[in-house]
Amino acid sequence: MSYYCSECVVNWWPYQTVDGRCPNCGGGTVRKQERASDDADTLYRFARAEAAKRDLHARFEAYYAEHGQQSEAA
């Protein structure tokens, strides 16, 4: 069984999706009775690394936005 994302054209393993969402694009998936794509594991690791980078960047921006407001107030 897999979860197919028509946007990414990938059959994901069930553990790779969260609430039926594609780990790469965030779109919806359709449950299929097929094997996961051969490159699903590689693409999943890549998607997770990209999400971690986005999260780190967002936290970095939030920290410096707050830090900038504090230094302006001082």
Protein backbone atom coordinates (compact mmCIF):
# COMPACT_ATOMS: atom_id res chain seq x y z
CA MET A 1 0.00 0.00 0.00
CA SER A 2 1.18 3.53 -0.71
CA TYR A 3 -0.06 7.10 -0.90
CA TYR A 4 0.15 8.65 -4.35
CA CYS A 5 0.76 12.36 -4.91
CA SER A 6 -0.27 13.43 -8.40
CA GLU A 7 1.63 16.71 -8.07
CA CYS A 8 4.99 15.04 -7.31
CA VAL A 9 4.15 11.79 -9.16
CA VAL A 10 5.41 9.69 -6.25
CA ASN A 11 3.94 6.75 -4.35
CA TRP A 12 4.92 7.40 -0.72
CA TRP A 13 5.18 4.82 2.04
CA PRO A 14 2.43 5.26 4.67
CA TYR A 15 4.90 6.35 7.37
CA GLN A 16 6.15 9.15 5.12
CA THR A 17 2.81 10.96 4.96
CA VAL A 18 1.16 12.89 7.76
CA ASP A 19 -2.64 12.91 7.67
CA GLY A 20 -2.52 11.96 3.99
CA ARG A 21 -0.35 14.93 3.04
CA CYS A 22 2.60 14.68 0.69
CA PRO A 23 5.88 15.29 2.53
CA ASN A 24 7.31 17.09 -0.49
CA CYS A 25 4.62 19.53 -1.65
CA GLY A 26 2.13 19.32 1.23
CA GLY A 27 -0.71 18.42 -1.12
CA GLY A 28 -3.20 15.64 -0.68
CA THR A 29 -2.50 12.03 -1.57
CA VAL A 30 -4.62 9.10 -2.70
CA ARG A 31 -4.30 5.70 -1.11
CA LYS A 32 -3.22 3.05 -3.64
CA GLN A 33 -2.69 -0.68 -3.50
CA GLU A 34 0.73 -0.32 -5.11
CA ARG A 35 4.27 -0.46 -3.89
CA ALA A 36 5.97 2.83 -2.99
CA SER A 37 8.15 4.43 -5.64
CA ASP A 38 11.77 3.29 -5.78
CA ASP A 39 12.99 6.80 -5.00
CA ALA A 40 10.43 7.50 -2.24
CA ASP A 41 13.00 7.09 0.56
CA THR A 42 15.51 9.43 -1.09
CA LEU A 43 12.85 12.02 -1.88
CA TYR A 44 11.50 11.76 1.67
CA ARG A 45 14.93 12.46 3.18
CA PHE A 46 15.34 15.41 0.81
CA ALA A 47 11.90 16.79 1.70
CA ARG A 48 12.64 16.47 5.42
CA ALA A 49 15.99 18.26 5.02
CA GLU A 50 14.32 21.09 3.09
CA ALA A 51 11.61 21.42 5.76
CA ALA A 52 14.28 21.58 8.47
CA LYS A 53 16.09 24.34 6.54
CA ARG A 54 12.85 26.32 6.18
CA ASP A 55 12.14 25.91 9.90
CA LEU A 56 15.64 27.00 10.85
CA HIS A 57 15.42 30.03 8.56
CA ALA A 58 12.03 31.01 10.03
CA ARG A 59 13.37 30.73 13.59
CA PHE A 60 16.46 32.74 12.60
CA GLU A 61 14.28 35.50 11.09
CA ALA A 62 11.98 35.55 14.15
CA TYR A 63 14.93 35.75 16.55
CA TYR A 64 16.56 38.66 14.73
CA ALA A 65 13.24 40.45 14.24
CA GLU A 66 12.68 40.27 18.00
CA HIS A 67 16.29 41.19 18.72
CA GLY A 68 16.03 44.20 16.40
CA GLN A 69 12.88 45.43 18.16
CA GLN A 70 14.55 45.12 21.56
CA SER A 71 17.63 47.08 20.47
CA GLU A 72 15.45 49.83 18.96
CA ALA A 73 13.51 50.11 22.23
CA ALA A 74 16.72 50.48 24.25
